[in-house]
PDB file of N, CA and C in Angstrom:
ATOM      1  N   GLU A   1      -0.914  -1.739 -15.591  1.00  0.00           N
ATOM      2  CA  GLU A   1      -1.131  -3.166 -15.707  1.00  0.00           C
ATOM      3  C   GLU A   1      -1.152  -3.795 -14.323  1.00  0.00           C
ATOM      4  N   LYS A   2      -2.052  -4.708 -14.144  1.00  0.00           N
ATOM      5  CA  LYS A   2      -2.183  -5.382 -12.858  1.00  0.00           C
ATOM      6  C   LYS A   2      -1.241  -6.575 -12.786  1.00  0.00           C
ATOM      7  N   ILE A   3      -0.888  -6.953 -11.563  1.00  0.00           N
ATOM      8  CA  ILE A   3       0.080  -8.038 -11.355  1.00  0.00           C
ATOM      9  C   ILE A   3      -0.441  -9.359 -11.913  1.00  0.00           C
ATOM     10  N   GLY A   4      -1.736  -9.637 -11.764  1.00  0.00           N
ATOM     11  CA  GLY A   4      -2.306 -10.878 -12.294  1.00  0.00           C
ATOM     12  C   GLY A   4      -2.135 -10.988 -13.798  1.00  0.00           C
ATOM     13  N   TYR A   5      -2.315  -9.870 -14.493  1.00  0.00           N
ATOM     14  CA  TYR A   5      -2.137  -9.841 -15.948  1.00  0.00           C
ATOM     15  C   TYR A   5      -0.685 -10.152 -16.309  1.00  0.00           C
ATOM     16  N   LYS A   6       0.229  -9.554 -15.587  1.00  0.00           N
ATOM     17  CA  LYS A   6       1.652  -9.765 -15.871  1.00  0.00           C
ATOM     18  C   LYS A   6       2.054 -11.220 -15.610  1.00  0.00           C
ATOM     19  N   ILE A   7       1.516 -11.814 -14.552  1.00  0.00           N
ATOM     20  CA  ILE A   7       1.819 -13.218 -14.248  1.00  0.00           C
ATOM     21  C   ILE A   7       1.285 -14.114 -15.356  1.00  0.00           C
ATOM     22  N   ARG A   8       0.065 -13.862 -15.788  1.00  0.00           N
ATOM     23  CA  ARG A   8      -0.530 -14.668 -16.870  1.00  0.00           C
ATOM     24  C   ARG A   8       0.281 -14.536 -18.151  1.00  0.00           C
ATOM     25  N   GLU A   9       0.689 -13.335 -18.496  1.00  0.00           N
ATOM     26  CA  GLU A   9       1.498 -13.122 -19.699  1.00  0.00           C
ATOM     27  C   GLU A   9       2.824 -13.873 -19.608  1.00  0.00           C
ATOM     28  N   ALA A  10       3.441 -13.853 -18.444  1.00  0.00           N
ATOM     29  CA  ALA A  10       4.707 -14.569 -18.256  1.00  0.00           C
ATOM     30  C   ALA A  10       4.506 -16.069 -18.432  1.00  0.00           C
ATOM     31  N   GLN A  11       3.389 -16.597 -17.941  1.00  0.00           N
ATOM     32  CA  GLN A  11       3.104 -18.022 -18.107  1.00  0.00           C
ATOM     33  C   GLN A  11       2.882 -18.364 -19.573  1.00  0.00           C
ATOM     34  N   LEU A  12       2.158 -17.524 -20.291  1.00  0.00           N
ATOM     35  CA  LEU A  12       1.903 -17.767 -21.709  1.00  0.00           C
ATOM     36  C   LEU A  12       3.185 -17.707 -22.533  1.00  0.00           C
ATOM     37  N   GLN A  13       4.113 -16.850 -22.119  1.00  0.00           N
ATOM     38  CA  GLN A  13       5.388 -16.715 -22.824  1.00  0.00           C
ATOM     39  C   GLN A  13       6.401 -17.760 -22.365  1.00  0.00           C
ATOM     40  N   LYS A  14       6.006 -18.602 -21.414  1.00  0.00           N
ATOM     41  CA  LYS A  14       6.843 -19.682 -20.882  1.00  0.00           C
ATOM     42  C   LYS A  14       8.152 -19.179 -20.275  1.00  0.00           C
ATOM     43  N   ILE A  15       8.052 -18.076 -19.564  1.00  0.00           N
ATOM     44  CA  ILE A  15       9.204 -17.539 -18.843  1.00  0.00           C
ATOM     45  C   ILE A  15       9.433 -18.438 -17.628  1.00  0.00           C
ATOM     46  N   PRO A  16      10.650 -18.971 -17.451  1.00  0.00           N
ATOM     47  CA  PRO A  16      10.894 -19.975 -16.403  1.00  0.00           C
ATOM     48  C   PRO A  16      10.610 -19.500 -14.976  1.00  0.00           C
ATOM     49  N   TYR A  17      10.970 -18.277 -14.652  1.00  0.00           N
ATOM     50  CA  TYR A  17      10.762 -17.760 -13.301  1.00  0.00           C
ATOM     51  C   TYR A  17      10.211 -16.352 -13.363  1.00  0.00           C
ATOM     52  N   MET A  18       9.307 -16.064 -12.432  1.00  0.00           N
ATOM     53  CA  MET A  18       8.779 -14.717 -12.280  1.00  0.00           C
ATOM     54  C   MET A  18       9.247 -14.202 -10.926  1.00  0.00           C
ATOM     55  N   LEU A  19       9.797 -13.017 -10.925  1.00  0.00           N
ATOM     56  CA  LEU A  19      10.237 -12.390  -9.684  1.00  0.00           C
ATOM     57  C   LEU A  19       9.337 -11.204  -9.404  1.00  0.00           C
ATOM     58  N   VAL A  20       8.863 -11.122  -8.175  1.00  0.00           N
ATOM     59  CA  VAL A  20       8.015 -10.014  -7.765  1.00  0.00           C
ATOM     60  C   VAL A  20       8.742  -9.262  -6.666  1.00  0.00           C
ATOM     61  N   VAL A  21       8.859  -7.957  -6.858  1.00  0.00           N
ATOM     62  CA  VAL A  21       9.497  -7.115  -5.850  1.00  0.00           C
ATOM     63  C   VAL A  21       8.513  -6.014  -5.477  1.00  0.00           C
ATOM     64  N   GLY A  22       7.916  -6.166  -4.317  1.00  0.00           N
ATOM     65  CA  GLY A  22       7.007  -5.154  -3.793  1.00  0.00           C
ATOM     66  C   GLY A  22       7.704  -4.366  -2.695  1.00  0.00           C
ATOM     67  N   ASP A  23       6.934  -3.570  -2.001  1.00  0.00           N
ATOM     68  CA  ASP A  23       7.502  -2.754  -0.922  1.00  0.00           C
ATOM     69  C   ASP A  23       8.146  -3.614   0.158  1.00  0.00           C
ATOM     70  N   LYS A  24       7.472  -4.705   0.534  1.00  0.00           N
ATOM     71  CA  LYS A  24       7.993  -5.582   1.593  1.00  0.00           C
ATOM     72  C   LYS A  24       9.307  -6.230   1.166  1.00  0.00           C
ATOM     73  N   GLU A  25       9.350  -6.721  -0.077  1.00  0.00           N
ATOM     74  CA  GLU A  25      10.568  -7.361  -0.578  1.00  0.00           C
ATOM     75  C   GLU A  25      11.704  -6.346  -0.686  1.00  0.00           C
ATOM     76  N   LEU A  26      11.374  -5.170  -1.143  1.00  0.00           N
ATOM     77  CA  LEU A  26      12.386  -4.119  -1.271  1.00  0.00           C
ATOM     78  C   LEU A  26      12.982  -3.782   0.090  1.00  0.00           C
ATOM     79  N   GLU A  27      12.127  -3.685   1.081  1.00  0.00           N
ATOM     80  CA  GLU A  27      12.577  -3.369   2.437  1.00  0.00           C
ATOM     81  C   GLU A  27      13.466  -4.474   3.007  1.00  0.00           C
ATOM     82  N   ASN A  28      13.120  -5.743   2.693  1.00  0.00           N
ATOM     83  CA  ASN A  28      13.868  -6.882   3.229  1.00  0.00           C
ATOM     84  C   ASN A  28      15.030  -7.318   2.348  1.00  0.00           C
ATOM     85  N   GLY A  29      15.161  -6.748   1.158  1.00  0.00           N
ATOM     86  CA  GLY A  29      16.235  -7.149   0.245  1.00  0.00           C
ATOM     87  C   GLY A  29      16.008  -8.528  -0.347  1.00  0.00           C
ATOM     88  N   THR A  30      14.733  -8.884  -0.576  1.00  0.00           N
ATOM     89  CA  THR A  30      14.398 -10.195  -1.119  1.00  0.00           C
ATOM     90  C   THR A  30      13.584 -10.059  -2.401  1.00  0.00           C
ATOM     91  N   VAL A  31      13.343 -11.187  -3.046  1.00  0.00           N
ATOM     92  CA  VAL A  31      12.440 -11.262  -4.193  1.00  0.00           C
ATOM     93  C   VAL A  31      11.500 -12.438  -3.958  1.00  0.00           C
ATOM     94  N   SER A  32      10.254 -12.304  -4.376  1.00  0.00           N
ATOM     95  CA  SER A  32       9.313 -13.424  -4.336  1.00  0.00           C
ATOM     96  C   SER A  32       9.428 -14.142  -5.661  1.00  0.00           C
ATOM     97  N   VAL A  33       9.593 -15.454  -5.609  1.00  0.00           N
ATOM     98  CA  VAL A  33       9.868 -16.236  -6.811  1.00  0.00           C
ATOM     99  C   VAL A  33       8.744 -17.235  -7.054  1.00  0.00           C
ATOM    100  N   ARG A  34       8.320 -17.313  -8.312  1.00  0.00           N
ATOM    101  CA  ARG A  34       7.325 -18.301  -8.730  1.00  0.00           C
ATOM    102  C   ARG A  34       7.837 -18.941 -10.011  1.00  0.00           C
ATOM    103  N   SER A  35       7.748 -20.260 -10.086  1.00  0.00           N
ATOM    104  CA  SER A  35       8.204 -20.956 -11.288  1.00  0.00           C
ATOM    105  C   SER A  35       7.115 -20.928 -12.355  1.00  0.00           C
ATOM    106  N   ARG A  36       7.494 -21.246 -13.566  1.00  0.00           N
ATOM    107  CA  ARG A  36       6.547 -21.273 -14.683  1.00  0.00           C
ATOM    108  C   ARG A  36       5.424 -22.271 -14.423  1.00  0.00           C
ATOM    109  N   LYS A  37       5.732 -23.329 -13.688  1.00  0.00           N
ATOM    110  CA  LYS A  37       4.741 -24.366 -13.386  1.00  0.00           C
ATOM    111  C   LYS A  37       3.758 -23.929 -12.304  1.00  0.00           C
ATOM    112  N   GLY A  38       3.927 -22.727 -11.790  1.00  0.00           N
ATOM    113  CA  GLY A  38       3.011 -22.208 -10.782  1.00  0.00           C
ATOM    114  C   GLY A  38       3.427 -22.484  -9.360  1.00  0.00           C
ATOM    115  N   VAL A  39       4.589 -23.080  -9.171  1.00  0.00           N
ATOM    116  CA  VAL A  39       5.078 -23.379  -7.825  1.00  0.00           C
ATOM    117  C   VAL A  39       5.623 -22.096  -7.204  1.00  0.00           C
ATOM    118  N   ASP A  40       5.091 -21.742  -6.048  1.00  0.00           N
ATOM    119  CA  ASP A  40       5.543 -20.549  -5.342  1.00  0.00           C
ATOM    120  C   ASP A  40       6.754 -20.930  -4.503  1.00  0.00           C
ATOM    121  N   LEU A  41       7.914 -20.400  -4.864  1.00  0.00           N
ATOM    122  CA  LEU A  41       9.146 -20.713  -4.141  1.00  0.00           C
ATOM    123  C   LEU A  41       9.359 -19.777  -2.963  1.00  0.00           C
ATOM    124  N   GLY A  42       8.476 -18.820  -2.791  1.00  0.00           N
ATOM    125  CA  GLY A  42       8.536 -17.911  -1.660  1.00  0.00           C
ATOM    126  C   GLY A  42       9.556 -16.804  -1.847  1.00  0.00           C
ATOM    127  N   ALA A  43       9.794 -16.094  -0.764  1.00  0.00           N
ATOM    128  CA  ALA A  43      10.744 -14.988  -0.778  1.00  0.00           C
ATOM    129  C   ALA A  43      12.138 -15.513  -0.479  1.00  0.00           C
ATOM    130  N   MET A  44      13.107 -14.982  -1.194  1.00  0.00           N
ATOM    131  CA  MET A  44      14.502 -15.350  -0.952  1.00  0.00           C
ATOM    132  C   MET A  44      15.386 -14.165  -1.308  1.00  0.00           C
ATOM    133  N   PRO A  45      16.563 -14.101  -0.714  1.00  0.00           N
ATOM    134  CA  PRO A  45      17.486 -13.032  -1.083  1.00  0.00           C
ATOM    135  C   PRO A  45      17.840 -13.136  -2.570  1.00  0.00           C
ATOM    136  N   LEU A  46      18.029 -12.010  -3.210  1.00  0.00           N
ATOM    137  CA  LEU A  46      18.343 -11.995  -4.636  1.00  0.00           C
ATOM    138  C   LEU A  46      19.600 -12.805  -4.923  1.00  0.00           C
ATOM    139  N   ASP A  47      20.605 -12.697  -4.068  1.00  0.00           N
ATOM    140  CA  ASP A  47      21.847 -13.459  -4.265  1.00  0.00           C
ATOM    141  C   ASP A  47      21.589 -14.965  -4.246  1.00  0.00           C
ATOM    142  N   ALA A  48      20.684 -15.415  -3.379  1.00  0.00           N
ATOM    143  CA  ALA A  48      20.352 -16.842  -3.308  1.00  0.00           C
ATOM    144  C   ALA A  48      19.656 -17.288  -4.587  1.00  0.00           C
ATOM    145  N   PHE A  49      18.784 -16.449  -5.132  1.00  0.00           N
ATOM    146  CA  PHE A  49      18.107 -16.793  -6.386  1.00  0.00           C
ATOM    147  C   PHE A  49      19.115 -16.875  -7.527  1.00  0.00           C
ATOM    148  N   ILE A  50      20.031 -15.931  -7.590  1.00  0.00           N
ATOM    149  CA  ILE A  50      21.056 -15.933  -8.643  1.00  0.00           C
ATOM    150  C   ILE A  50      21.908 -17.191  -8.541  1.00  0.00           C
ATOM    151  N   ALA A  51      22.289 -17.577  -7.324  1.00  0.00           N
ATOM    152  CA  ALA A  51      23.083 -18.796  -7.129  1.00  0.00           C
ATOM    153  C   ALA A  51      22.296 -20.027  -7.577  1.00  0.00           C
ATOM    154  N   LYS A  52      21.006 -20.057  -7.282  1.00  0.00           N
ATOM    155  CA  LYS A  52      20.150 -21.178  -7.695  1.00  0.00           C
ATOM    156  C   LYS A  52      20.106 -21.287  -9.216  1.00  0.00           C
ATOM    157  N   ILE A  53      19.949 -20.187  -9.891  1.00  0.00           N
ATOM    158  CA  ILE A  53      19.883 -20.188 -11.358  1.00  0.00           C
ATOM    159  C   ILE A  53      21.225 -20.609 -11.953  1.00  0.00           C
ATOM    160  N   LYS A  54      22.308 -20.101 -11.408  1.00  0.00           N
ATOM    161  CA  LYS A  54      23.632 -20.490 -11.908  1.00  0.00           C
ATOM    162  C   LYS A  54      23.842 -21.992 -11.757  1.00  0.00           C
ATOM    163  N   GLU A  55      23.396 -22.548 -10.639  1.00  0.00           N
ATOM    164  CA  GLU A  55      23.512 -23.989 -10.405  1.00  0.00           C
ATOM    165  C   GLU A  55      22.686 -24.763 -11.429  1.00  0.00           C
ATOM    166  N   GLU A  56      21.474 -24.312 -11.696  1.00  0.00           N
ATOM    167  CA  GLU A  56      20.630 -24.973 -12.699  1.00  0.00           C
ATOM    168  C   GLU A  56      21.275 -24.933 -14.080  1.00  0.00           C
ATOM    169  N   ILE A  57      21.851 -23.792 -14.422  1.00  0.00           N
ATOM    170  CA  ILE A  57      22.491 -23.646 -15.734  1.00  0.00           C
ATOM    171  C   ILE A  57      23.684 -24.584 -15.847  1.00  0.00           C
ATOM    172  N   SER A  58      24.513 -24.642 -14.806  1.00  0.00           N
ATOM    173  CA  SER A  58      25.693 -25.510 -14.878  1.00  0.00           C
ATOM    174  C   SER A  58      25.297 -26.982 -14.899  1.00  0.00           C
ATOM    175  N   THR A  59      24.228 -27.335 -14.203  1.00  0.00           N
ATOM    176  CA  THR A  59      23.746 -28.719 -14.212  1.00  0.00           C
ATOM    177  C   THR A  59      23.237 -29.102 -15.590  1.00  0.00           C
ATOM    178  N   ARG A  60      22.507 -28.224 -16.236  1.00  0.00           N
ATOM    179  CA  ARG A  60      21.974 -28.502 -17.572  1.00  0.00           C
ATOM    180  C   ARG A  60      23.072 -28.579 -18.614  1.00  0.00           C
ATOM    181  N   SER A  61      24.085 -27.737 -18.481  1.00  0.00           N
ATOM    182  CA  SER A  61      25.153 -27.736 -19.484  1.00  0.00           C
ATOM    183  C   SER A  61      26.033 -28.977 -19.367  1.00  0.00           C
ATOM    184  N   ASN A  62      26.024 -29.643 -18.203  1.00  0.00           N
ATOM    185  CA  ASN A  62      26.807 -30.865 -18.012  1.00  0.00           C
ATOM    186  C   ASN A  62      26.076 -32.110 -18.494  1.00  0.00           C
ATOM    187  N   ASP A  63      24.780 -31.994 -18.745  1.00  0.00           N
ATOM    188  CA  ASP A  63      23.989 -33.163 -19.170  1.00  0.00           C
ATOM    189  C   ASP A  63      24.149 -33.470 -20.623  1.00  0.00           C
TER     190      ASP A  63
END
């Protein structure tokens, strides 16, 4: 399966975030992040992405 197909499927399934880990990301210990809305959040350390998601979850649960 090609990456474009997987991205399209994720958008159709309304998956909030897509993480791409290629050779470059693996070497740098990062993940490339794209939101469901198509916004490219760029590469970030996996720990930073996890912290971002935890913050979003706690913010939503307080509303």
